[in-house]
C-alpha atoms as a PDB file:
ATOM      1  CA  UNK A   1       0.190   0.247  -0.097  1.00  0.00           C
ATOM      2  CA  UNK A   2       2.770   2.706   1.198  1.00  0.00           C
ATOM      3  CA  UNK A   3       4.293   1.382  -2.260  1.00  0.00           C
ATOM      4  CA  UNK A   4       1.189   2.309  -4.505  1.00  0.00           C
ATOM      5  CA  UNK A   5       1.077   5.739  -2.567  1.00  0.00           C
ATOM      6  CA  UNK A   6       5.013   6.635  -3.255  1.00  0.00           C
ATOM      7  CA  UNK A   7       4.608   5.699  -6.637  1.00  0.00           C
ATOM      8  CA  UNK A   8       1.166   7.710  -7.267  1.00  0.00           C
ATOM      9  CA  UNK A   9       2.714  10.818  -5.448  1.00  0.00           C
ATOM     10  CA  UNK A  10       5.915  10.166  -7.513  1.00  0.00           C
ATOM     11  CA  UNK A  11       3.713  10.154 -10.734  1.00  0.00           C
ATOM     12  CA  UNK A  12       1.673  13.182  -9.941  1.00  0.00           C
ATOM     13  CA  UNK A  13       5.136  15.066  -9.568  1.00  0.00           C
ATOM     14  CA  UNK A  14       6.546  14.008 -12.493  1.00  0.00           C
ATOM     15  CA  UNK A  15       3.455  15.497 -14.620  1.00  0.00           C
ATOM     16  CA  UNK A  16       3.332  18.659 -12.096  1.00  0.00           C
ATOM     17  CA  UNK A  17       6.983  19.326 -13.346  1.00  0.00           C
ATOM     18  CA  UNK A  18       6.535  18.617 -16.743  1.00  0.00           C
ATOM     19  CA  UNK A  19       3.430  20.961 -17.434  1.00  0.00           C
ATOM     20  CA  UNK A  20       5.775  24.133 -16.371  1.00  0.00           C
ATOM     21  CA  UNK A  21       6.586  25.801 -19.663  1.00  0.00           C
ATOM     22  CA  UNK A  22       9.857  27.157 -20.185  1.00  0.00           C
ATOM     23  CA  UNK A  23       9.412  30.392 -21.980  1.00  0.00           C
ATOM     24  CA  UNK A  24      13.134  31.094 -22.549  1.00  0.00           C
ATOM     25  CA  UNK A  25      13.653  27.780 -24.075  1.00  0.00           C
ATOM     26  CA  UNK A  26      10.696  28.507 -26.729  1.00  0.00           C
ATOM     27  CA  UNK A  27      11.819  31.820 -27.036  1.00  0.00           C
ATOM     28  CA  UNK A  28      15.633  30.832 -28.391  1.00  0.00           C
ATOM     29  CA  UNK A  29      14.593  28.316 -30.447  1.00  0.00           C
ATOM     30  CA  UNK A  30      12.572  30.963 -32.661  1.00  0.00           C
ATOM     31  CA  UNK A  31      14.974  33.172 -32.586  1.00  0.00           C
ATOM     32  CA  UNK A  32      17.062  30.629 -33.854  1.00  0.00           C
ATOM     33  CA  UNK A  33      14.794  30.207 -36.818  1.00  0.00           C
ATOM     34  CA  UNK A  34      14.375  33.776 -37.691  1.00  0.00           C
ATOM     35  CA  UNK A  35      17.696  35.281 -37.176  1.00  0.00           C
ATOM     36  CA  UNK A  36      20.083  32.273 -37.593  1.00  0.00           C
ATOM     37  CA  UNK A  37      22.217  30.683 -35.057  1.00  0.00           C
ATOM     38  CA  UNK A  38      24.558  33.217 -35.675  1.00  0.00           C
ATOM     39  CA  UNK A  39      25.561  35.782 -32.579  1.00  0.00           C
ATOM     40  CA  UNK A  40      22.540  37.017 -31.446  1.00  0.00           C
ATOM     41  CA  UNK A  41      21.585  37.952 -28.008  1.00  0.00           C
ATOM     42  CA  UNK A  42      18.247  38.821 -25.874  1.00  0.00           C
ATOM     43  CA  UNK A  43      17.653  41.369 -23.542  1.00  0.00           C
ATOM     44  CA  UNK A  44      14.649  40.810 -21.059  1.00  0.00           C
ATOM     45  CA  UNK A  45      12.012  43.515 -21.174  1.00  0.00           C
ATOM     46  CA  UNK A  46      10.558  44.087 -17.920  1.00  0.00           C
ATOM     47  CA  UNK A  47       7.027  45.231 -19.073  1.00  0.00           C
ATOM     48  CA  UNK A  48       4.863  47.616 -16.362  1.00  0.00           C
ATOM     49  CA  UNK A  49       1.614  45.657 -15.077  1.00  0.00           C
ATOM     50  CA  UNK A  50      -0.592  48.127 -16.891  1.00  0.00           C
ATOM     51  CA  UNK A  51       1.025  46.375 -20.322  1.00  0.00           C
ATOM     52  CA  UNK A  52       2.037  43.157 -18.904  1.00  0.00           C
ATOM     53  CA  UNK A  53      -1.481  41.315 -19.375  1.00  0.00           C
ATOM     54  CA  UNK A  54      -1.162  37.512 -20.265  1.00  0.00           C
ATOM     55  CA  UNK A  55       2.934  37.986 -21.570  1.00  0.00           C
ATOM     56  CA  UNK A  56       5.145  35.337 -19.961  1.00  0.00           C
ATOM     57  CA  UNK A  57       8.639  36.996 -21.629  1.00  0.00           C
ATOM     58  CA  UNK A  58       9.311  39.695 -23.497  1.00  0.00           C
ATOM     59  CA  UNK A  59      13.135  39.650 -25.346  1.00  0.00           C
ATOM     60  CA  UNK A  60      14.911  42.522 -27.295  1.00  0.00           C
ATOM     61  CA  UNK A  61      16.905  40.457 -30.170  1.00  0.00           C
ATOM     62  CA  UNK A  62      20.147  41.978 -31.242  1.00  0.00           C
ATOM     63  CA  UNK A  63      22.683  40.671 -33.832  1.00  0.00           C
ATOM     64  CA  UNK A  64      26.198  41.716 -33.659  1.00  0.00           C
ATOM     65  CA  UNK A  65      25.082  44.921 -31.420  1.00  0.00           C
ATOM     66  CA  UNK A  66      22.479  45.914 -33.564  1.00  0.00           C
ATOM     67  CA  UNK A  67      19.041  45.936 -32.706  1.00  0.00           C
ATOM     68  CA  UNK A  68      17.038  43.694 -34.815  1.00  0.00           C
ATOM     69  CA  UNK A  69      13.577  42.886 -33.397  1.00  0.00           C
ATOM     70  CA  UNK A  70      11.693  41.154 -30.321  1.00  0.00           C
ATOM     71  CA  UNK A  71      10.452  37.829 -29.451  1.00  0.00           C
ATOM     72  CA  UNK A  72       7.541  37.395 -27.210  1.00  0.00           C
ATOM     73  CA  UNK A  73       5.562  34.352 -25.326  1.00  0.00           C
ATOM     74  CA  UNK A  74       2.208  34.450 -24.139  1.00  0.00           C
ATOM     75  CA  UNK A  75      -0.813  33.051 -23.724  1.00  0.00           C
ATOM     76  CA  UNK A  76      -4.285  33.549 -25.455  1.00  0.00           C
ATOM     77  CA  UNK A  77      -7.894  32.519 -25.129  1.00  0.00           C
ATOM     78  CA  UNK A  78      -9.424  29.485 -26.861  1.00  0.00           C
ATOM     79  CA  UNK A  79     -13.114  27.735 -26.896  1.00  0.00           C
ATOM     80  CA  UNK A  80     -14.885  27.829 -23.813  1.00  0.00           C
ATOM     81  CA  UNK A  81     -14.582  24.674 -21.053  1.00  0.00           C
ATOM     82  CA  UNK A  82     -17.342  22.291 -22.941  1.00  0.00           C
ATOM     83  CA  UNK A  83     -17.269  23.674 -26.398  1.00  0.00           C
ATOM     84  CA  UNK A  84     -16.840  27.006 -28.560  1.00  0.00           C
ATOM     85  CA  UNK A  85     -18.958  30.090 -28.441  1.00  0.00           C
ATOM     86  CA  UNK A  86     -18.217  33.299 -29.732  1.00  0.00           C
ATOM     87  CA  UNK A  87     -15.188  35.411 -28.029  1.00  0.00           C
ATOM     88  CA  UNK A  88     -16.006  36.922 -25.116  1.00  0.00           C
ATOM     89  CA  UNK A  89     -14.227  37.684 -21.842  1.00  0.00           C
ATOM     90  CA  UNK A  90     -17.367  37.653 -19.782  1.00  0.00           C
ATOM     91  CA  UNK A  91     -15.862  35.260 -17.548  1.00  0.00           C
ATOM     92  CA  UNK A  92     -11.850  34.481 -18.710  1.00  0.00           C
ATOM     93  CA  UNK A  93     -11.627  31.710 -16.329  1.00  0.00           C
ATOM     94  CA  UNK A  94     -14.266  29.373 -18.553  1.00  0.00           C
ATOM     95  CA  UNK A  95     -12.183  29.783 -21.376  1.00  0.00           C
ATOM     96  CA  UNK A  96      -9.255  27.131 -22.267  1.00  0.00           C
ATOM     97  CA  UNK A  97      -5.734  28.770 -23.150  1.00  0.00           C
ATOM     98  CA  UNK A  98      -2.760  28.249 -25.628  1.00  0.00           C
ATOM     99  CA  UNK A  99       0.470  29.495 -25.599  1.00  0.00           C
ATOM    100  CA  UNK A 100       2.258  31.026 -28.659  1.00  0.00           C
ATOM    101  CA  UNK A 101       5.632  32.483 -29.647  1.00  0.00           C
ATOM    102  CA  UNK A 102       6.112  35.639 -31.727  1.00  0.00           C
ATOM    103  CA  UNK A 103       8.939  37.408 -33.399  1.00  0.00           C
ATOM    104  CA  UNK A 104       8.886  40.553 -34.683  1.00  0.00           C
ATOM    105  CA  UNK A 105      11.546  42.830 -36.800  1.00  0.00           C
ATOM    106  CA  UNK A 106      12.445  46.396 -35.336  1.00  0.00           C
ATOM    107  CA  UNK A 107       9.054  47.939 -37.318  1.00  0.00           C
ATOM    108  CA  UNK A 108       6.949  45.576 -35.712  1.00  0.00           C
ATOM    109  CA  UNK A 109       6.175  43.754 -38.492  1.00  0.00           C
ATOM    110  CA  UNK A 110       5.367  40.134 -37.950  1.00  0.00           C
ATOM    111  CA  UNK A 111       8.425  37.992 -38.500  1.00  0.00           C
ATOM    112  CA  UNK A 112       6.799  34.433 -37.547  1.00  0.00           C
ATOM    113  CA  UNK A 113       4.689  33.058 -35.022  1.00  0.00           C
ATOM    114  CA  UNK A 114       4.159  29.550 -33.285  1.00  0.00           C
ATOM    115  CA  UNK A 115       1.614  28.205 -31.373  1.00  0.00           C
ATOM    116  CA  UNK A 116       3.711  26.512 -28.581  1.00  0.00           C
ATOM    117  CA  UNK A 117       0.760  24.706 -26.570  1.00  0.00           C
ATOM    118  CA  UNK A 118      -2.789  23.877 -27.537  1.00  0.00           C
ATOM    119  CA  UNK A 119      -4.857  21.786 -25.227  1.00  0.00           C
ATOM    120  CA  UNK A 120      -7.839  22.280 -26.180  1.00  0.00           C
ATOM    121  CA  UNK A 121     -10.230  19.593 -27.906  1.00  0.00           C
ATOM    122  CA  UNK A 122     -11.353  22.193 -30.610  1.00  0.00           C
ATOM    123  CA  UNK A 123      -9.730  24.447 -32.899  1.00  0.00           C
ATOM    124  CA  UNK A 124      -6.197  22.964 -32.966  1.00  0.00           C
ATOM    125  CA  UNK A 125      -6.221  23.763 -36.583  1.00  0.00           C
ATOM    126  CA  UNK A 126      -4.708  27.229 -36.237  1.00  0.00           C
ATOM    127  CA  UNK A 127      -1.467  25.276 -35.073  1.00  0.00           C
ATOM    128  CA  UNK A 128      -0.529  24.556 -39.005  1.00  0.00           C
ATOM    129  CA  UNK A 129       2.160  26.175 -39.778  1.00  0.00           C
ATOM    130  CA  UNK A 130       0.906  27.136 -43.289  1.00  0.00           C
ATOM    131  CA  UNK A 131      -2.313  28.809 -41.901  1.00  0.00           C
ATOM    132  CA  UNK A 132       0.235  30.718 -39.228  1.00  0.00           C
ATOM    133  CA  UNK A 133       2.755  31.795 -42.436  1.00  0.00           C
ATOM    134  CA  UNK A 134      -0.455  34.358 -43.227  1.00  0.00           C
ATOM    135  CA  UNK A 135       0.556  36.317 -40.265  1.00  0.00           C
ATOM    136  CA  UNK A 136       4.090  36.858 -41.948  1.00  0.00           C
ATOM    137  CA  UNK A 137       4.754  40.480 -42.742  1.00  0.00           C
ATOM    138  CA  UNK A 138       1.582  41.954 -40.910  1.00  0.00           C
ATOM    139  CA  UNK A 139       2.006  45.348 -38.683  1.00  0.00           C
ATOM    140  CA  UNK A 140      -1.444  45.803 -37.375  1.00  0.00           C
ATOM    141  CA  UNK A 141      -4.994  46.113 -37.290  1.00  0.00           C
ATOM    142  CA  UNK A 142      -5.291  42.662 -38.563  1.00  0.00           C
ATOM    143  CA  UNK A 143      -8.788  41.458 -39.295  1.00  0.00           C
ATOM    144  CA  UNK A 144      -9.693  37.352 -40.078  1.00  0.00           C
ATOM    145  CA  UNK A 145     -11.487  37.222 -43.297  1.00  0.00           C
ATOM    146  CA  UNK A 146      -9.448  39.923 -44.678  1.00  0.00           C
ATOM    147  CA  UNK A 147      -6.029  39.830 -44.006  1.00  0.00           C
ATOM    148  CA  UNK A 148      -5.889  36.604 -42.270  1.00  0.00           C
ATOM    149  CA  UNK A 149      -8.250  33.671 -43.490  1.00  0.00           C
ATOM    150  CA  UNK A 150     -10.523  31.844 -41.559  1.00  0.00           C
ATOM    151  CA  UNK A 151      -9.793  27.976 -41.005  1.00  0.00           C
ATOM    152  CA  UNK A 152     -12.790  25.553 -41.061  1.00  0.00           C
ATOM    153  CA  UNK A 153     -13.205  23.782 -37.678  1.00  0.00           C
ATOM    154  CA  UNK A 154     -11.080  26.680 -35.808  1.00  0.00           C
ATOM    155  CA  UNK A 155     -13.346  29.545 -36.191  1.00  0.00           C
ATOM    156  CA  UNK A 156     -13.730  30.966 -32.812  1.00  0.00           C
ATOM    157  CA  UNK A 157     -10.101  30.203 -31.845  1.00  0.00           C
ATOM    158  CA  UNK A 158      -8.512  31.932 -35.103  1.00  0.00           C
ATOM    159  CA  UNK A 159     -10.644  34.913 -33.676  1.00  0.00           C
ATOM    160  CA  UNK A 160      -9.149  34.632 -30.276  1.00  0.00           C
ATOM    161  CA  UNK A 161      -5.704  34.479 -31.769  1.00  0.00           C
ATOM    162  CA  UNK A 162      -6.087  37.319 -34.615  1.00  0.00           C
ATOM    163  CA  UNK A 163      -7.194  39.524 -31.699  1.00  0.00           C
ATOM    164  CA  UNK A 164      -4.583  38.341 -29.029  1.00  0.00           C
ATOM    165  CA  UNK A 165      -2.111  39.353 -31.825  1.00  0.00           C
ATOM    166  CA  UNK A 166      -3.741  42.840 -32.365  1.00  0.00           C
ATOM    167  CA  UNK A 167      -3.857  43.541 -28.805  1.00  0.00           C
ATOM    168  CA  UNK A 168       0.070  42.304 -28.428  1.00  0.00           C
ATOM    169  CA  UNK A 169       0.689  44.856 -31.481  1.00  0.00           C
ATOM    170  CA  UNK A 170      -0.492  47.690 -29.788  1.00  0.00           C
ATOM    171  CA  UNK A 171       1.236  46.263 -26.442  1.00  0.00           C
ATOM    172  CA  UNK A 172       4.611  46.248 -28.617  1.00  0.00           C
ATOM    173  CA  UNK A 173       3.711  49.932 -30.037  1.00  0.00           C
ATOM    174  CA  UNK A 174       3.365  51.056 -26.194  1.00  0.00           C
ATOM    175  CA  UNK A 175       7.043  49.300 -25.602  1.00  0.00           C
ATOM    176  CA  UNK A 176       9.113  50.735 -28.427  1.00  0.00           C
ATOM    177  CA  UNK A 177       7.847  54.271 -27.490  1.00  0.00           C
ATOM    178  CA  UNK A 178       8.568  53.451 -24.233  1.00  0.00           C
ATOM    179  CA  UNK A 179      12.112  52.484 -25.114  1.00  0.00           C
ATOM    180  CA  UNK A 180      12.922  55.525 -27.389  1.00  0.00           C
END
């Protein structure tokens, strides 16, 4: 009986430890893909609480001492627990969430976006690299159905992602102004 309890406790501890995400690992991986594996460096940007929101990590990227852009790790909302409904923030606790990393160039054009973890039952189609490629080069006020094609089976998640990226672009504009 004691052995069963110890094994169960160890298993639960392992699950808890594996569930913690390391934003730096994902930011570094994206920076390597965008700026190559040559000598880039990342400097943490500390955001005031008024801008932080669901941003877990934000880094300024420099290559050979020249500022090249930014990488960000953040969380967005997906479908509601129990099914999908139109986006609203009436009860944020009832929504599933997903994490994504995004790279911007110096002028805040999107270089690349990747979904890091998507645990929802529905809407996972937004994780497809081909669909995410549509975000590249966008600089603000992105509209689903106009700038970004919708995706069958993921309308709500796509809407949430586009809304979140638009909000993140507003935050990034504030960050750039603040750093100037």
